[in-house]
Amino acid sequence: MPAARMPSRGQGVQPPGRRYLPGAGLILLAGVWLVIVSATWTYGDVDSWLDARWNDAAAGTVLTVVGVVRLLRPLLTTLARLASILVGGWLIIAPFVAGYGFGADSTPATANDVLIGAVVTGLAIIGRI
């Protein structure tokens, strides 16, 4: 009977309580995407109390920080999940609450916000962050 193979040092073994979830990388990418989009896309000239460009830049910055922190400190899961749910939920409702929803130039930004918000919120709720 062959001897059981033991994992070599550093391969597949993590300290108790520390685990990497691929959602952290997705959150990081979503945050970077929102920051890039806020600098390059046209949001239209909408008379709103909230500037959609700055909203996306701020949400993207928060998600980028959450993604980096989650990748570097896997023990901060609860805080990362809470922040992701709040920011993701805000991204879903912001175009409608702020009124920059469906103008000729703002429809792609609205769709982007709702999609990114749904993915981020979904990942956080199912515990993949």
Protein backbone atom coordinates (compact mmCIF):
# COMPACT_ATOMS: atom_id res chain seq x y z
CA MET A 1 0.00 0.00 0.00
CA PRO A 2 1.52 3.37 -1.00
CA ALA A 3 2.27 5.91 1.70
CA ALA A 4 -0.06 8.88 1.97
CA ARG A 5 1.34 12.00 0.42
CA MET A 6 1.66 14.94 2.75
CA PRO A 7 1.37 18.41 1.28
CA SER A 8 4.70 20.13 1.06
CA ARG A 9 5.28 23.16 3.22
CA GLY A 10 3.26 26.16 2.07
CA GLN A 11 1.14 24.33 -0.49
CA GLY A 12 -2.56 24.22 0.25
CA VAL A 13 -2.16 24.74 3.98
CA GLN A 14 -3.56 27.88 5.56
CA PRO A 15 -3.63 28.90 9.21
CA PRO A 16 -6.95 28.29 10.98
CA GLY A 17 -9.50 31.02 10.30
CA ARG A 18 -7.70 32.30 7.19
CA ARG A 19 -9.14 31.44 3.85
CA TYR A 20 -8.92 32.98 0.44
CA LEU A 21 -12.15 33.46 -1.42
CA PRO A 22 -12.05 34.31 -5.12
CA GLY A 23 -14.73 36.94 -4.63
CA ALA A 24 -12.13 39.25 -3.09
CA GLY A 25 -10.31 39.41 -6.40
CA LEU A 26 -13.58 40.10 -8.20
CA ILE A 27 -14.39 42.91 -5.78
CA LEU A 28 -10.96 44.40 -6.43
CA LEU A 29 -11.50 44.21 -10.21
CA ALA A 30 -15.00 45.71 -9.91
CA GLY A 31 -13.61 48.62 -7.90
CA VAL A 32 -10.83 49.31 -10.38
CA TRP A 33 -13.34 49.04 -13.24
CA LEU A 34 -15.65 51.62 -11.63
CA VAL A 35 -12.77 54.06 -11.12
CA ILE A 36 -11.67 53.67 -14.75
CA VAL A 37 -15.23 54.03 -16.03
CA SER A 38 -15.83 57.16 -13.97
CA ALA A 39 -12.86 58.81 -15.66
CA THR A 40 -13.61 57.71 -19.24
CA TRP A 41 -17.36 57.27 -19.84
CA THR A 42 -19.87 59.98 -20.68
CA TYR A 43 -22.57 60.35 -18.05
CA GLY A 44 -24.63 62.99 -19.80
CA ASP A 45 -25.61 66.40 -18.53
CA VAL A 46 -28.17 65.36 -15.96
CA ASP A 47 -29.50 67.79 -13.37
CA SER A 48 -29.20 65.64 -10.26
CA TRP A 49 -28.28 66.18 -6.64
CA LEU A 50 -25.61 63.49 -7.03
CA ASP A 51 -22.90 63.53 -9.68
CA ALA A 52 -22.84 60.04 -11.18
CA ARG A 53 -19.16 60.31 -12.08
CA TRP A 54 -18.13 61.06 -8.50
CA ASN A 55 -20.51 58.43 -7.17
CA ASP A 56 -18.86 55.74 -9.30
CA ALA A 57 -15.37 56.97 -8.41
CA ALA A 58 -16.15 56.86 -4.69
CA ALA A 59 -17.85 53.45 -4.85
CA GLY A 60 -14.98 52.09 -6.96
CA THR A 61 -12.42 53.37 -4.49
CA VAL A 62 -14.24 51.74 -1.56
CA LEU A 63 -14.54 48.43 -3.43
CA THR A 64 -10.86 48.55 -4.42
CA VAL A 65 -9.85 49.09 -0.80
CA VAL A 66 -12.17 46.29 0.37
CA GLY A 67 -10.71 43.93 -2.25
CA VAL A 68 -7.11 44.73 -1.33
CA VAL A 69 -7.77 44.47 2.41
CA ARG A 70 -9.64 41.19 1.94
CA LEU A 71 -6.80 39.72 -0.11
CA LEU A 72 -4.16 40.82 2.41
CA ARG A 73 -6.12 40.18 5.62
CA PRO A 74 -8.51 37.26 5.14
CA LEU A 75 -9.62 37.50 8.78
CA LEU A 76 -11.59 40.69 8.10
CA THR A 77 -14.42 38.84 6.38
CA THR A 78 -17.36 40.35 8.26
CA LEU A 79 -16.26 43.93 7.70
CA ALA A 80 -15.56 43.25 4.01
CA ARG A 81 -18.95 41.61 3.53
CA LEU A 82 -20.80 44.46 5.24
CA ALA A 83 -18.98 47.13 3.22
CA SER A 84 -19.58 45.18 0.00
CA ILE A 85 -23.30 44.79 0.72
CA LEU A 86 -23.67 48.50 1.49
CA VAL A 87 -21.72 49.72 -1.54
CA GLY A 88 -23.26 47.13 -3.87
CA GLY A 89 -26.76 47.97 -2.68
CA TRP A 90 -26.08 51.65 -3.13
CA LEU A 91 -24.83 51.08 -6.68
CA ILE A 92 -28.09 49.30 -7.51
CA ILE A 93 -30.36 52.08 -6.28
CA ALA A 94 -28.21 55.20 -6.88
CA PRO A 95 -29.19 55.79 -10.53
CA PHE A 96 -32.86 55.80 -9.55
CA VAL A 97 -32.58 57.69 -6.26
CA ALA A 98 -30.26 60.35 -7.68
CA GLY A 99 -32.13 60.61 -10.96
CA TYR A 100 -29.30 60.06 -13.44
CA GLY A 101 -30.98 56.89 -14.67
CA PHE A 102 -31.83 56.60 -18.36
CA GLY A 103 -30.72 59.61 -20.35
CA ALA A 104 -29.20 59.15 -23.79
CA ASP A 105 -25.64 59.24 -22.41
CA SER A 106 -26.27 57.86 -18.94
CA THR A 107 -27.96 54.54 -19.78
CA PRO A 108 -24.66 52.59 -20.11
CA ALA A 109 -23.47 54.02 -16.78
CA THR A 110 -26.77 53.09 -15.13
CA ALA A 111 -26.62 49.54 -16.48
CA ASN A 112 -22.99 49.27 -15.36
CA ASP A 113 -23.82 50.48 -11.84
CA VAL A 114 -26.76 48.10 -11.45
CA LEU A 115 -24.81 45.12 -12.81
CA ILE A 116 -21.70 45.75 -10.70
CA GLY A 117 -23.89 46.41 -7.64
CA ALA A 118 -25.82 43.16 -8.14
CA VAL A 119 -22.65 41.09 -8.55
CA VAL A 120 -20.94 42.66 -5.53
CA THR A 121 -24.02 42.36 -3.33
CA GLY A 122 -24.66 38.79 -4.48
CA LEU A 123 -21.08 37.70 -3.78
CA ALA A 124 -21.21 39.28 -0.34
CA ILE A 125 -24.57 37.74 0.57
CA ILE A 126 -23.60 34.22 -0.44
CA GLY A 127 -20.34 34.55 1.47
CA ARG A 128 -17.80 34.55 -1.36
CA ILE A 129 -16.00 37.67 -0.14
